[in-house]
Amino acid sequence: MATVLIVDDSPTEVHVLSGYLQKHGFSTETAADGAEGIEKCRALKPDLVLMDVVMPGMNGFQATRQLARDPDTAGIPIVMVTTKGLETDKIWGMRQGAVDYLVKPVTEAQLVEKVRAALGGHD
């Protein structure tokens, strides 16, 4: 069973995303901001990270860049899940090291499909 770290400052969003993933057999962990996300990613070594962008303190772009550049966490795929839906946001997110980009609100089917794809079909 794959473990997914959800980094999002919205308890509602975390609840919804966790629910979708757990229903499909994924284990979930959560972090409320970018800095906590980096700490938990280093400690837990999840199989995948879902990263929000707009968060207090360190935003998701900054956290993604740090994780992608750290040899300890560079191999962990990151999917941005955010309300920032402009093409420039997507390009910037991918440039920071994300493997995919989802714009909120996401459906259960979209989320599970993107997570499975980012994990290379393993779950």
PDB file of N, CA and C in Angstrom:
ATOM      1  N   MET A   1       0.844  -1.186   0.000  1.00  0.00           N
ATOM      2  CA  MET A   1       0.000   0.000   0.000  1.00  0.00           C
ATOM      3  C   MET A   1       0.887   1.247   0.000  1.00  0.00           C
ATOM      4  N   ALA A   2       0.629   2.136  -0.931  1.00  0.00           N
ATOM      5  CA  ALA A   2       1.419   3.356  -1.056  1.00  0.00           C
ATOM      6  C   ALA A   2       0.981   4.398  -0.030  1.00  0.00           C
ATOM      7  N   THR A   3       1.955   5.154   0.469  1.00  0.00           N
ATOM      8  CA  THR A   3       1.670   6.241   1.410  1.00  0.00           C
ATOM      9  C   THR A   3       1.767   7.576   0.683  1.00  0.00           C
ATOM     10  N   VAL A   4       0.720   8.395   0.857  1.00  0.00           N
ATOM     11  CA  VAL A   4       0.666   9.707   0.227  1.00  0.00           C
ATOM     12  C   VAL A   4       0.674  10.775   1.316  1.00  0.00           C
ATOM     13  N   LEU A   5       1.619  11.725   1.217  1.00  0.00           N
ATOM     14  CA  LEU A   5       1.674  12.847   2.143  1.00  0.00           C
ATOM     15  C   LEU A   5       0.897  14.005   1.520  1.00  0.00           C
ATOM     16  N   ILE A   6      -0.137  14.479   2.225  1.00  0.00           N
ATOM     17  CA  ILE A   6      -0.948  15.597   1.753  1.00  0.00           C
ATOM     18  C   ILE A   6      -0.500  16.857   2.492  1.00  0.00           C
ATOM     19  N   VAL A   7       0.017  17.830   1.737  1.00  0.00           N
ATOM     20  CA  VAL A   7       0.479  19.083   2.330  1.00  0.00           C
ATOM     21  C   VAL A   7      -0.512  20.178   1.926  1.00  0.00           C
ATOM     22  N   ASP A   8      -1.345  20.601   2.886  1.00  0.00           N
ATOM     23  CA  ASP A   8      -2.399  21.579   2.607  1.00  0.00           C
ATOM     24  C   ASP A   8      -2.809  22.221   3.922  1.00  0.00           C
ATOM     25  N   ASP A   9      -3.029  23.544   3.911  1.00  0.00           N
ATOM     26  CA  ASP A   9      -3.397  24.242   5.150  1.00  0.00           C
ATOM     27  C   ASP A   9      -4.904  24.230   5.409  1.00  0.00           C
ATOM     28  N   SER A  10      -5.693  23.646   4.508  1.00  0.00           N
ATOM     29  CA  SER A  10      -7.148  23.581   4.693  1.00  0.00           C
ATOM     30  C   SER A  10      -7.560  22.228   5.263  1.00  0.00           C
ATOM     31  N   PRO A  11      -8.059  22.194   6.514  1.00  0.00           N
ATOM     32  CA  PRO A  11      -8.491  20.922   7.097  1.00  0.00           C
ATOM     33  C   PRO A  11      -9.576  20.246   6.249  1.00  0.00           C
ATOM     34  N   THR A  12     -10.441  21.035   5.642  1.00  0.00           N
ATOM     35  CA  THR A  12     -11.502  20.472   4.800  1.00  0.00           C
ATOM     36  C   THR A  12     -10.901  19.773   3.588  1.00  0.00           C
ATOM     37  N   GLU A  13      -9.976  20.444   2.927  1.00  0.00           N
ATOM     38  CA  GLU A  13      -9.324  19.883   1.736  1.00  0.00           C
ATOM     39  C   GLU A  13      -8.569  18.603   2.096  1.00  0.00           C
ATOM     40  N   VAL A  14      -7.847  18.628   3.207  1.00  0.00           N
ATOM     41  CA  VAL A  14      -7.108  17.452   3.662  1.00  0.00           C
ATOM     42  C   VAL A  14      -8.068  16.288   3.913  1.00  0.00           C
ATOM     43  N   HIS A  15      -9.190  16.579   4.549  1.00  0.00           N
ATOM     44  CA  HIS A  15     -10.195  15.549   4.847  1.00  0.00           C
ATOM     45  C   HIS A  15     -10.725  14.925   3.557  1.00  0.00           C
ATOM     46  N   VAL A  16     -11.063  15.770   2.588  1.00  0.00           N
ATOM     47  CA  VAL A  16     -11.617  15.285   1.315  1.00  0.00           C
ATOM     48  C   VAL A  16     -10.587  14.445   0.554  1.00  0.00           C
ATOM     49  N   LEU A  17      -9.373  14.976   0.406  1.00  0.00           N
ATOM     50  CA  LEU A  17      -8.332  14.247  -0.330  1.00  0.00           C
ATOM     51  C   LEU A  17      -7.977  12.933   0.360  1.00  0.00           C
ATOM     52  N   SER A  18      -7.851  12.961   1.690  1.00  0.00           N
ATOM     53  CA  SER A  18      -7.554  11.735   2.451  1.00  0.00           C
ATOM     54  C   SER A  18      -8.642  10.699   2.234  1.00  0.00           C
ATOM     55  N   GLY A  19      -9.883  11.159   2.299  1.00  0.00           N
ATOM     56  CA  GLY A  19     -11.017  10.248   2.118  1.00  0.00           C
ATOM     57  C   GLY A  19     -10.985   9.570   0.759  1.00  0.00           C
ATOM     58  N   TYR A  20     -10.752  10.343  -0.288  1.00  0.00           N
ATOM     59  CA  TYR A  20     -10.679   9.782  -1.646  1.00  0.00           C
ATOM     60  C   TYR A  20      -9.597   8.706  -1.721  1.00  0.00           C
ATOM     61  N   LEU A  21      -8.417   9.035  -1.199  1.00  0.00           N
ATOM     62  CA  LEU A  21      -7.281   8.124  -1.308  1.00  0.00           C
ATOM     63  C   LEU A  21      -7.455   6.865  -0.466  1.00  0.00           C
ATOM     64  N   GLN A  22      -7.936   7.052   0.773  1.00  0.00           N
ATOM     65  CA  GLN A  22      -8.108   5.897   1.656  1.00  0.00           C
ATOM     66  C   GLN A  22      -9.144   4.922   1.094  1.00  0.00           C
ATOM     67  N   LYS A  23     -10.158   5.463   0.439  1.00  0.00           N
ATOM     68  CA  LYS A  23     -11.195   4.636  -0.181  1.00  0.00           C
ATOM     69  C   LYS A  23     -10.584   3.712  -1.249  1.00  0.00           C
ATOM     70  N   HIS A  24      -9.481   4.156  -1.828  1.00  0.00           N
ATOM     71  CA  HIS A  24      -8.820   3.381  -2.882  1.00  0.00           C
ATOM     72  C   HIS A  24      -7.584   2.642  -2.369  1.00  0.00           C
ATOM     73  N   GLY A  25      -7.476   2.512  -1.053  1.00  0.00           N
ATOM     74  CA  GLY A  25      -6.433   1.682  -0.471  1.00  0.00           C
ATOM     75  C   GLY A  25      -5.106   2.361  -0.201  1.00  0.00           C
ATOM     76  N   PHE A  26      -5.058   3.687  -0.314  1.00  0.00           N
ATOM     77  CA  PHE A  26      -3.812   4.390  -0.013  1.00  0.00           C
ATOM     78  C   PHE A  26      -3.772   4.759   1.461  1.00  0.00           C
ATOM     79  N   SER A  27      -2.565   4.818   1.999  1.00  0.00           N
ATOM     80  CA  SER A  27      -2.358   5.291   3.362  1.00  0.00           C
ATOM     81  C   SER A  27      -2.017   6.779   3.238  1.00  0.00           C
ATOM     82  N   THR A  28      -2.536   7.613   4.163  1.00  0.00           N
ATOM     83  CA  THR A  28      -2.252   9.047   4.053  1.00  0.00           C
ATOM     84  C   THR A  28      -1.632   9.608   5.325  1.00  0.00           C
ATOM     85  N   GLU A  29      -0.782  10.598   5.120  1.00  0.00           N
ATOM     86  CA  GLU A  29      -0.198  11.405   6.189  1.00  0.00           C
ATOM     87  C   GLU A  29      -0.454  12.847   5.791  1.00  0.00           C
ATOM     88  N   THR A  30      -0.443  13.765   6.773  1.00  0.00           N
ATOM     89  CA  THR A  30      -0.743  15.150   6.435  1.00  0.00           C
ATOM     90  C   THR A  30       0.260  16.119   7.053  1.00  0.00           C
ATOM     91  N   ALA A  31       0.373  17.274   6.408  1.00  0.00           N
ATOM     92  CA  ALA A  31       1.176  18.385   6.914  1.00  0.00           C
ATOM     93  C   ALA A  31       0.412  19.665   6.586  1.00  0.00           C
ATOM     94  N   ALA A  32       0.456  20.648   7.485  1.00  0.00           N
ATOM     95  CA  ALA A  32      -0.365  21.850   7.350  1.00  0.00           C
ATOM     96  C   ALA A  32       0.298  22.999   6.591  1.00  0.00           C
ATOM     97  N   ASP A  33       1.603  22.881   6.306  1.00  0.00           N
ATOM     98  CA  ASP A  33       2.275  23.935   5.541  1.00  0.00           C
ATOM     99  C   ASP A  33       3.544  23.372   4.902  1.00  0.00           C
ATOM    100  N   GLY A  34       4.184  24.207   4.095  1.00  0.00           N
ATOM    101  CA  GLY A  34       5.354  23.751   3.353  1.00  0.00           C
ATOM    102  C   GLY A  34       6.497  23.267   4.224  1.00  0.00           C
ATOM    103  N   ALA A  35       6.791  23.999   5.298  1.00  0.00           N
ATOM    104  CA  ALA A  35       7.908  23.616   6.176  1.00  0.00           C
ATOM    105  C   ALA A  35       7.640  22.269   6.842  1.00  0.00           C
ATOM    106  N   GLU A  36       6.413  22.083   7.354  1.00  0.00           N
ATOM    107  CA  GLU A  36       6.062  20.797   7.971  1.00  0.00           C
ATOM    108  C   GLU A  36       6.068  19.687   6.916  1.00  0.00           C
ATOM    109  N   GLY A  37       5.647  20.029   5.706  1.00  0.00           N
ATOM    110  CA  GLY A  37       5.647  19.055   4.612  1.00  0.00           C
ATOM    111  C   GLY A  37       7.044  18.538   4.316  1.00  0.00           C
ATOM    112  N   ILE A  38       8.018  19.456   4.303  1.00  0.00           N
ATOM    113  CA  ILE A  38       9.408  19.059   4.055  1.00  0.00           C
ATOM    114  C   ILE A  38       9.911  18.156   5.184  1.00  0.00           C
ATOM    115  N   GLU A  39       9.645  18.559   6.441  1.00  0.00           N
ATOM    116  CA  GLU A  39      10.060  17.745   7.598  1.00  0.00           C
ATOM    117  C   GLU A  39       9.472  16.339   7.517  1.00  0.00           C
ATOM    118  N   LYS A  40       8.148  16.271   7.283  1.00  0.00           N
ATOM    119  CA  LYS A  40       7.489  14.963   7.255  1.00  0.00           C
ATOM    120  C   LYS A  40       7.949  14.125   6.064  1.00  0.00           C
ATOM    121  N   CYS A  41       8.219  14.784   4.950  1.00  0.00           N
ATOM    122  CA  CYS A  41       8.682  14.068   3.767  1.00  0.00           C
ATOM    123  C   CYS A  41      10.044  13.425   4.039  1.00  0.00           C
ATOM    124  N   ARG A  42      10.915  14.175   4.701  1.00  0.00           N
ATOM    125  CA  ARG A  42      12.248  13.645   5.030  1.00  0.00           C
ATOM    126  C   ARG A  42      12.154  12.500   6.035  1.00  0.00           C
ATOM    127  N   ALA A  43      11.235  12.634   7.007  1.00  0.00           N
ATOM    128  CA  ALA A  43      11.114  11.629   8.068  1.00  0.00           C
ATOM    129  C   ALA A  43      10.377  10.372   7.597  1.00  0.00           C
ATOM    130  N   LEU A  44       9.308  10.559   6.834  1.00  0.00           N
ATOM    131  CA  LEU A  44       8.437   9.439   6.478  1.00  0.00           C
ATOM    132  C   LEU A  44       8.776   8.773   5.148  1.00  0.00           C
ATOM    133  N   LYS A  45       9.445   9.513   4.263  1.00  0.00           N
ATOM    134  CA  LYS A  45       9.744   9.024   2.909  1.00  0.00           C
ATOM    135  C   LYS A  45       8.476   8.436   2.255  1.00  0.00           C
ATOM    136  N   PRO A  46       7.431   9.272   2.084  1.00  0.00           N
ATOM    137  CA  PRO A  46       6.202   8.770   1.462  1.00  0.00           C
ATOM    138  C   PRO A  46       6.453   8.380   0.002  1.00  0.00           C
ATOM    139  N   ASP A  47       5.502   7.651  -0.576  1.00  0.00           N
ATOM    140  CA  ASP A  47       5.634   7.243  -1.976  1.00  0.00           C
ATOM    141  C   ASP A  47       5.291   8.390  -2.924  1.00  0.00           C
ATOM    142  N   LEU A  48       4.517   9.368  -2.403  1.00  0.00           N
ATOM    143  CA  LEU A  48       4.052  10.478  -3.228  1.00  0.00           C
ATOM    144  C   LEU A  48       3.664  11.638  -2.319  1.00  0.00           C
ATOM    145  N   VAL A  49       3.801  12.870  -2.819  1.00  0.00           N
ATOM    146  CA  VAL A  49       3.363  14.054  -2.081  1.00  0.00           C
ATOM    147  C   VAL A  49       2.325  14.801  -2.920  1.00  0.00           C
ATOM    148  N   LEU A  50       1.201  15.172  -2.290  1.00  0.00           N
ATOM    149  CA  LEU A  50       0.233  16.082  -2.898  1.00  0.00           C
ATOM    150  C   LEU A  50       0.489  17.437  -2.259  1.00  0.00           C
ATOM    151  N   MET A  51       0.840  18.441  -3.058  1.00  0.00           N
ATOM    152  CA  MET A  51       1.284  19.726  -2.529  1.00  0.00           C
ATOM    153  C   MET A  51       0.363  20.866  -2.942  1.00  0.00           C
ATOM    154  N   ASP A  52      -0.217  21.543  -1.946  1.00  0.00           N
ATOM    155  CA  ASP A  52      -0.974  22.764  -2.196  1.00  0.00           C
ATOM    156  C   ASP A  52       0.052  23.865  -2.488  1.00  0.00           C
ATOM    157  N   VAL A  53      -0.393  24.969  -3.086  1.00  0.00           N
ATOM    158  CA  VAL A  53       0.536  26.069  -3.344  1.00  0.00           C
ATOM    159  C   VAL A  53       0.359  27.190  -2.330  1.00  0.00           C
ATOM    160  N   VAL A  54      -0.880  27.649  -2.152  1.00  0.00           N
ATOM    161  CA  VAL A  54      -1.139  28.809  -1.302  1.00  0.00           C
ATOM    162  C   VAL A  54      -1.251  28.369   0.161  1.00  0.00           C
ATOM    163  N   MET A  55      -0.169  28.587   0.911  1.00  0.00           N
ATOM    164  CA  MET A  55      -0.128  28.224   2.329  1.00  0.00           C
ATOM    165  C   MET A  55       0.648  29.299   3.068  1.00  0.00           C
ATOM    166  N   PRO A  56       0.387  29.456   4.375  1.00  0.00           N
ATOM    167  CA  PRO A  56       1.147  30.445   5.148  1.00  0.00           C
ATOM    168  C   PRO A  56       2.621  30.044   5.249  1.00  0.00           C
ATOM    169  N   GLY A  57       3.488  31.039   5.378  1.00  0.00           N
ATOM    170  CA  GLY A  57       4.923  30.743   5.491  1.00  0.00           C
ATOM    171  C   GLY A  57       5.461  30.303   4.146  1.00  0.00           C
ATOM    172  N   MET A  58       6.042  29.122   4.103  1.00  0.00           N
ATOM    173  CA  MET A  58       6.619  28.588   2.874  1.00  0.00           C
ATOM    174  C   MET A  58       5.509  28.067   1.963  1.00  0.00           C
ATOM    175  N   ASN A  59       5.435  28.577   0.730  1.00  0.00           N
ATOM    176  CA  ASN A  59       4.383  28.096  -0.166  1.00  0.00           C
ATOM    177  C   ASN A  59       4.784  26.783  -0.838  1.00  0.00           C
ATOM    178  N   GLY A  60       3.839  26.212  -1.557  1.00  0.00           N
ATOM    179  CA  GLY A  60       4.054  24.901  -2.172  1.00  0.00           C
ATOM    180  C   GLY A  60       5.113  24.888  -3.258  1.00  0.00           C
ATOM    181  N   PHE A  61       5.254  26.010  -3.987  1.00  0.00           N
ATOM    182  CA  PHE A  61       6.308  26.067  -4.999  1.00  0.00           C
ATOM    183  C   PHE A  61       7.682  25.983  -4.330  1.00  0.00           C
ATOM    184  N   GLN A  62       7.848  26.737  -3.228  1.00  0.00           N
ATOM    185  CA  GLN A  62       9.134  26.744  -2.509  1.00  0.00           C
ATOM    186  C   GLN A  62       9.426  25.360  -1.915  1.00  0.00           C
ATOM    187  N   ALA A  63       8.401  24.754  -1.302  1.00  0.00           N
ATOM    188  CA  ALA A  63       8.581  23.434  -0.681  1.00  0.00           C
ATOM    189  C   ALA A  63       8.906  22.377  -1.735  1.00  0.00           C
ATOM    190  N   THR A  64       8.224  22.445  -2.878  1.00  0.00           N
ATOM    191  CA  THR A  64       8.469  21.485  -3.964  1.00  0.00           C
ATOM    192  C   THR A  64       9.907  21.612  -4.460  1.00  0.00           C
ATOM    193  N   ARG A  65      10.356  22.855  -4.639  1.00  0.00           N
ATOM    194  CA  ARG A  65      11.720  23.087  -5.116  1.00  0.00           C
ATOM    195  C   ARG A  65      12.740  22.501  -4.138  1.00  0.00           C
ATOM    196  N   GLN A  66      12.511  22.710  -2.835  1.00  0.00           N
ATOM    197  CA  GLN A  66      13.445  22.178  -1.824  1.00  0.00           C
ATOM    198  C   GLN A  66      13.474  20.654  -1.842  1.00  0.00           C
ATOM    199  N   LEU A  67      12.297  20.033  -1.923  1.00  0.00           N
ATOM    200  CA  LEU A  67      12.230  18.570  -1.923  1.00  0.00           C
ATOM    201  C   LEU A  67      12.864  17.997  -3.190  1.00  0.00           C
ATOM    202  N   ALA A  68      12.618  18.643  -4.332  1.00  0.00           N
ATOM    203  CA  ALA A  68      13.153  18.148  -5.605  1.00  0.00           C
ATOM    204  C   ALA A  68      14.673  18.276  -5.676  1.00  0.00           C
ATOM    205  N   ARG A  69      15.238  19.238  -4.942  1.00  0.00           N
ATOM    206  CA  ARG A  69      16.693  19.458  -4.983  1.00  0.00           C
ATOM    207  C   ARG A  69      17.450  18.705  -3.898  1.00  0.00           C
ATOM    208  N   ASP A  70      16.728  18.128  -2.942  1.00  0.00           N
ATOM    209  CA  ASP A  70      17.365  17.398  -1.839  1.00  0.00           C
ATOM    210  C   ASP A  70      17.555  15.940  -2.268  1.00  0.00           C
ATOM    211  N   PRO A  71      18.798  15.440  -2.273  1.00  0.00           N
ATOM    212  CA  PRO A  71      19.036  14.053  -2.701  1.00  0.00           C
ATOM    213  C   PRO A  71      18.209  13.022  -1.916  1.00  0.00           C
ATOM    214  N   ASP A  72      17.889  13.326  -0.647  1.00  0.00           N
ATOM    215  CA  ASP A  72      17.104  12.397   0.176  1.00  0.00           C
ATOM    216  C   ASP A  72      15.652  12.277  -0.276  1.00  0.00           C
ATOM    217  N   THR A  73      15.125  13.352  -0.894  1.00  0.00           N
ATOM    218  CA  THR A  73      13.700  13.359  -1.244  1.00  0.00           C
ATOM    219  C   THR A  73      13.449  13.550  -2.743  1.00  0.00           C
ATOM    220  N   ALA A  74      14.503  13.711  -3.522  1.00  0.00           N
ATOM    221  CA  ALA A  74      14.349  14.007  -4.953  1.00  0.00           C
ATOM    222  C   ALA A  74      13.599  12.917  -5.719  1.00  0.00           C
ATOM    223  N   GLY A  75      13.651  11.683  -5.228  1.00  0.00           N
ATOM    224  CA  GLY A  75      12.989  10.581  -5.931  1.00  0.00           C
ATOM    225  C   GLY A  75      11.503  10.443  -5.621  1.00  0.00           C
ATOM    226  N   ILE A  76      10.981  11.281  -4.737  1.00  0.00           N
ATOM    227  CA  ILE A  76       9.564  11.196  -4.353  1.00  0.00           C
ATOM    228  C   ILE A  76       8.747  12.097  -5.283  1.00  0.00           C
ATOM    229  N   PRO A  77       7.818  11.521  -6.055  1.00  0.00           N
ATOM    230  CA  PRO A  77       7.035  12.357  -6.967  1.00  0.00           C
ATOM    231  C   PRO A  77       6.118  13.321  -6.205  1.00  0.00           C
ATOM    232  N   ILE A  78       5.993  14.534  -6.738  1.00  0.00           N
ATOM    233  CA  ILE A  78       5.130  15.557  -6.138  1.00  0.00           C
ATOM    234  C   ILE A  78       4.085  15.962  -7.169  1.00  0.00           C
ATOM    235  N   VAL A  79       2.820  15.931  -6.765  1.00  0.00           N
ATOM    236  CA  VAL A  79       1.723  16.412  -7.610  1.00  0.00           C
ATOM    237  C   VAL A  79       1.171  17.661  -6.937  1.00  0.00           C
ATOM    238  N   MET A  80       1.188  18.777  -7.655  1.00  0.00           N
ATOM    239  CA  MET A  80       0.613  20.012  -7.129  1.00  0.00           C
ATOM    240  C   MET A  80      -0.914  19.879  -7.189  1.00  0.00           C
ATOM    241  N   VAL A  81      -1.581  20.249  -6.101  1.00  0.00           N
ATOM    242  CA  VAL A  81      -3.057  20.252  -6.063  1.00  0.00           C
ATOM    243  C   VAL A  81      -3.439  21.617  -5.502  1.00  0.00           C
ATOM    244  N   THR A  82      -3.904  22.510  -6.385  1.00  0.00           N
ATOM    245  CA  THR A  82      -4.042  23.902  -5.990  1.00  0.00           C
ATOM    246  C   THR A  82      -5.172  24.610  -6.727  1.00  0.00           C
ATOM    247  N   THR A  83      -5.576  25.753  -6.201  1.00  0.00           N
ATOM    248  CA  THR A  83      -6.582  26.578  -6.863  1.00  0.00           C
ATOM    249  C   THR A  83      -5.936  27.430  -7.956  1.00  0.00           C
ATOM    250  N   LYS A  84      -4.610  27.507  -7.969  1.00  0.00           N
ATOM    251  CA  LYS A  84      -3.906  28.341  -8.955  1.00  0.00           C
ATOM    252  C   LYS A  84      -3.893  27.620 -10.301  1.00  0.00           C
ATOM    253  N   GLY A  85      -4.834  28.018 -11.165  1.00  0.00           N
ATOM    254  CA  GLY A  85      -5.043  27.274 -12.397  1.00  0.00           C
ATOM    255  C   GLY A  85      -4.522  27.900 -13.671  1.00  0.00           C
ATOM    256  N   LEU A  86      -3.780  28.987 -13.574  1.00  0.00           N
ATOM    257  CA  LEU A  86      -3.240  29.606 -14.785  1.00  0.00           C
ATOM    258  C   LEU A  86      -2.147  28.730 -15.394  1.00  0.00           C
ATOM    259  N   GLU A  87      -2.020  28.785 -16.690  1.00  0.00           N
ATOM    260  CA  GLU A  87      -0.995  28.010 -17.383  1.00  0.00           C
ATOM    261  C   GLU A  87       0.405  28.348 -16.848  1.00  0.00           C
ATOM    262  N   THR A  88       0.637  29.626 -16.525  1.00  0.00           N
ATOM    263  CA  THR A  88       1.950  30.019 -15.995  1.00  0.00           C
ATOM    264  C   THR A  88       2.205  29.362 -14.637  1.00  0.00           C
ATOM    265  N   ASP A  89       1.139  29.193 -13.824  1.00  0.00           N
ATOM    266  CA  ASP A  89       1.289  28.507 -12.530  1.00  0.00           C
ATOM    267  C   ASP A  89       1.681  27.051 -12.750  1.00  0.00           C
ATOM    268  N   LYS A  90       1.030  26.409 -13.706  1.00  0.00           N
ATOM    269  CA  LYS A  90       1.331  25.000 -14.004  1.00  0.00           C
ATOM    270  C   LYS A  90       2.780  24.848 -14.459  1.00  0.00           C
ATOM    271  N   ILE A  91       3.177  25.721 -15.379  1.00  0.00           N
ATOM    272  CA  ILE A  91       4.549  25.655 -15.893  1.00  0.00           C
ATOM    273  C   ILE A  91       5.545  25.867 -14.749  1.00  0.00           C
ATOM    274  N   TRP A  92       5.276  26.860 -13.897  1.00  0.00           N
ATOM    275  CA  TRP A  92       6.166  27.140 -12.774  1.00  0.00           C
ATOM    276  C   TRP A  92       6.218  25.950 -11.814  1.00  0.00           C
ATOM    277  N   GLY A  93       5.060  25.356 -11.524  1.00  0.00           N
ATOM    278  CA  GLY A  93       5.016  24.192 -10.631  1.00  0.00           C
ATOM    279  C   GLY A  93       5.837  23.034 -11.167  1.00  0.00           C
ATOM    280  N   MET A  94       5.725  22.775 -12.461  1.00  0.00           N
ATOM    281  CA  MET A  94       6.482  21.680 -13.072  1.00  0.00           C
ATOM    282  C   MET A  94       7.982  22.012 -13.065  1.00  0.00           C
ATOM    283  N   ARG A  95       8.287  23.283 -13.261  1.00  0.00           N
ATOM    284  CA  ARG A  95       9.684  23.708 -13.263  1.00  0.00           C
ATOM    285  C   ARG A  95      10.315  23.554 -11.876  1.00  0.00           C
ATOM    286  N   GLN A  96       9.510  23.632 -10.829  1.00  0.00           N
ATOM    287  CA  GLN A  96      10.022  23.474  -9.463  1.00  0.00           C
ATOM    288  C   GLN A  96      10.303  22.013  -9.131  1.00  0.00           C
ATOM    289  N   GLY A  97       9.776  21.104  -9.960  1.00  0.00           N
ATOM    290  CA  GLY A  97      10.044  19.685  -9.733  1.00  0.00           C
ATOM    291  C   GLY A  97       8.810  18.813  -9.612  1.00  0.00           C
ATOM    292  N   ALA A  98       7.626  19.389  -9.760  1.00  0.00           N
ATOM    293  CA  ALA A  98       6.405  18.575  -9.684  1.00  0.00           C
ATOM    294  C   ALA A  98       6.314  17.675 -10.915  1.00  0.00           C
ATOM    295  N   VAL A  99       5.695  16.492 -10.747  1.00  0.00           N
ATOM    296  CA  VAL A  99       5.523  15.576 -11.879  1.00  0.00           C
ATOM    297  C   VAL A  99       4.159  15.759 -12.536  1.00  0.00           C
ATOM    298  N   ASP A 100       3.228  16.402 -11.812  1.00  0.00           N
ATOM    299  CA  ASP A 100       1.899  16.643 -12.369  1.00  0.00           C
ATOM    300  C   ASP A 100       1.262  17.809 -11.621  1.00  0.00           C
ATOM    301  N   TYR A 101       0.121  18.279 -12.135  1.00  0.00           N
ATOM    302  CA  TYR A 101      -0.500  19.485 -11.597  1.00  0.00           C
ATOM    303  C   TYR A 101      -2.006  19.345 -11.722  1.00  0.00           C
ATOM    304  N   LEU A 102      -2.713  19.417 -10.604  1.00  0.00           N
ATOM    305  CA  LEU A 102      -4.176  19.338 -10.588  1.00  0.00           C
ATOM    306  C   LEU A 102      -4.741  20.645 -10.060  1.00  0.00           C
ATOM    307  N   VAL A 103      -5.823  21.130 -10.662  1.00  0.00           N
ATOM    308  CA  VAL A 103      -6.462  22.353 -10.205  1.00  0.00           C
ATOM    309  C   VAL A 103      -7.713  22.000  -9.408  1.00  0.00           C
ATOM    310  N   LYS A 104      -7.807  22.570  -8.195  1.00  0.00           N
ATOM    311  CA  LYS A 104      -8.965  22.343  -7.327  1.00  0.00           C
ATOM    312  C   LYS A 104     -10.175  23.059  -7.912  1.00  0.00           C
ATOM    313  N   PRO A 105     -11.375  22.556  -7.694  1.00  0.00           N
ATOM    314  CA  PRO A 105     -11.661  21.308  -6.979  1.00  0.00           C
ATOM    315  C   PRO A 105     -11.364  20.097  -7.859  1.00  0.00           C
ATOM    316  N   VAL A 106     -10.819  19.048  -7.258  1.00  0.00           N
ATOM    317  CA  VAL A 106     -10.529  17.826  -8.004  1.00  0.00           C
ATOM    318  C   VAL A 106     -11.586  16.780  -7.683  1.00  0.00           C
ATOM    319  N   THR A 107     -11.865  15.940  -8.665  1.00  0.00           N
ATOM    320  CA  THR A 107     -12.805  14.842  -8.429  1.00  0.00           C
ATOM    321  C   THR A 107     -12.021  13.642  -7.900  1.00  0.00           C
ATOM    322  N   GLU A 108     -12.728  12.734  -7.310  1.00  0.00           N
ATOM    323  CA  GLU A 108     -12.100  11.514  -6.801  1.00  0.00           C
ATOM    324  C   GLU A 108     -11.394  10.776  -7.936  1.00  0.00           C
ATOM    325  N   ALA A 109     -12.086  10.648  -9.077  1.00  0.00           N
ATOM    326  CA  ALA A 109     -11.515   9.924 -10.221  1.00  0.00           C
ATOM    327  C   ALA A 109     -10.235  10.588 -10.726  1.00  0.00           C
ATOM    328  N   GLN A 110     -10.255  11.934 -10.851  1.00  0.00           N
ATOM    329  CA  GLN A 110      -9.065  12.681 -11.299  1.00  0.00           C
ATOM    330  C   GLN A 110      -7.893  12.438 -10.360  1.00  0.00           C
ATOM    331  N   LEU A 111      -8.172  12.566  -9.062  1.00  0.00           N
ATOM    332  CA  LEU A 111      -7.120  12.441  -8.059  1.00  0.00           C
ATOM    333  C   LEU A 111      -6.488  11.055  -8.096  1.00  0.00           C
ATOM    334  N   VAL A 112      -7.317  10.030  -8.057  1.00  0.00           N
ATOM    335  CA  VAL A 112      -6.809   8.657  -8.022  1.00  0.00           C
ATOM    336  C   VAL A 112      -6.036   8.334  -9.304  1.00  0.00           C
ATOM    337  N   GLU A 113      -6.537   8.807 -10.432  1.00  0.00           N
ATOM    338  CA  GLU A 113      -5.856   8.567 -11.712  1.00  0.00           C
ATOM    339  C   GLU A 113      -4.474   9.225 -11.722  1.00  0.00           C
ATOM    340  N   LYS A 114      -4.384  10.480 -11.269  1.00  0.00           N
ATOM    341  CA  LYS A 114      -3.102  11.200 -11.253  1.00  0.00           C
ATOM    342  C   LYS A 114      -2.122  10.568 -10.266  1.00  0.00           C
ATOM    343  N   VAL A 115      -2.632  10.169  -9.101  1.00  0.00           N
ATOM    344  CA  VAL A 115      -1.769   9.541  -8.089  1.00  0.00           C
ATOM    345  C   VAL A 115      -1.217   8.222  -8.623  1.00  0.00           C
ATOM    346  N   ARG A 116      -2.079   7.402  -9.213  1.00  0.00           N
ATOM    347  CA  ARG A 116      -1.610   6.124  -9.756  1.00  0.00           C
ATOM    348  C   ARG A 116      -0.587   6.336 -10.876  1.00  0.00           C
ATOM    349  N   ALA A 117      -0.849   7.324 -11.744  1.00  0.00           N
ATOM    350  CA  ALA A 117       0.076   7.610 -12.835  1.00  0.00           C
ATOM    351  C   ALA A 117       1.432   8.070 -12.289  1.00  0.00           C
ATOM    352  N   ALA A 118       1.406   8.939 -11.276  1.00  0.00           N
ATOM    353  CA  ALA A 118       2.647   9.469 -10.693  1.00  0.00           C
ATOM    354  C   ALA A 118       3.440   8.366  -9.985  1.00  0.00           C
ATOM    355  N   LEU A 119       2.735   7.363  -9.493  1.00  0.00           N
ATOM    356  CA  LEU A 119       3.395   6.236  -8.825  1.00  0.00           C
ATOM    357  C   LEU A 119       3.845   5.182  -9.843  1.00  0.00           C
ATOM    358  N   GLY A 120       3.633   5.459 -11.115  1.00  0.00           N
ATOM    359  CA  GLY A 120       4.047   4.515 -12.154  1.00  0.00           C
ATOM    360  C   GLY A 120       3.135   3.300 -12.225  1.00  0.00           C
ATOM    361  N   GLY A 121       1.872   3.496 -11.818  1.00  0.00           N
ATOM    362  CA  GLY A 121       0.912   2.402 -11.903  1.00  0.00           C
ATOM    363  C   GLY A 121       0.900   1.505 -10.678  1.00  0.00           C
ATOM    364  N   HIS A 122       1.824   1.701  -9.738  1.00  0.00           N
ATOM    365  CA  HIS A 122       1.844   0.880  -8.506  1.00  0.00           C
ATOM    366  C   HIS A 122       1.004   1.547  -7.453  1.00  0.00           C
ATOM    367  N   ASP A 123       0.230   0.751  -6.712  1.00  0.00           N
ATOM    368  CA  ASP A 123      -0.482   1.351  -5.573  1.00  0.00           C
ATOM    369  C   ASP A 123      -0.710   0.350  -4.491  1.00  0.00           C
TER     370      ASP A 123
END
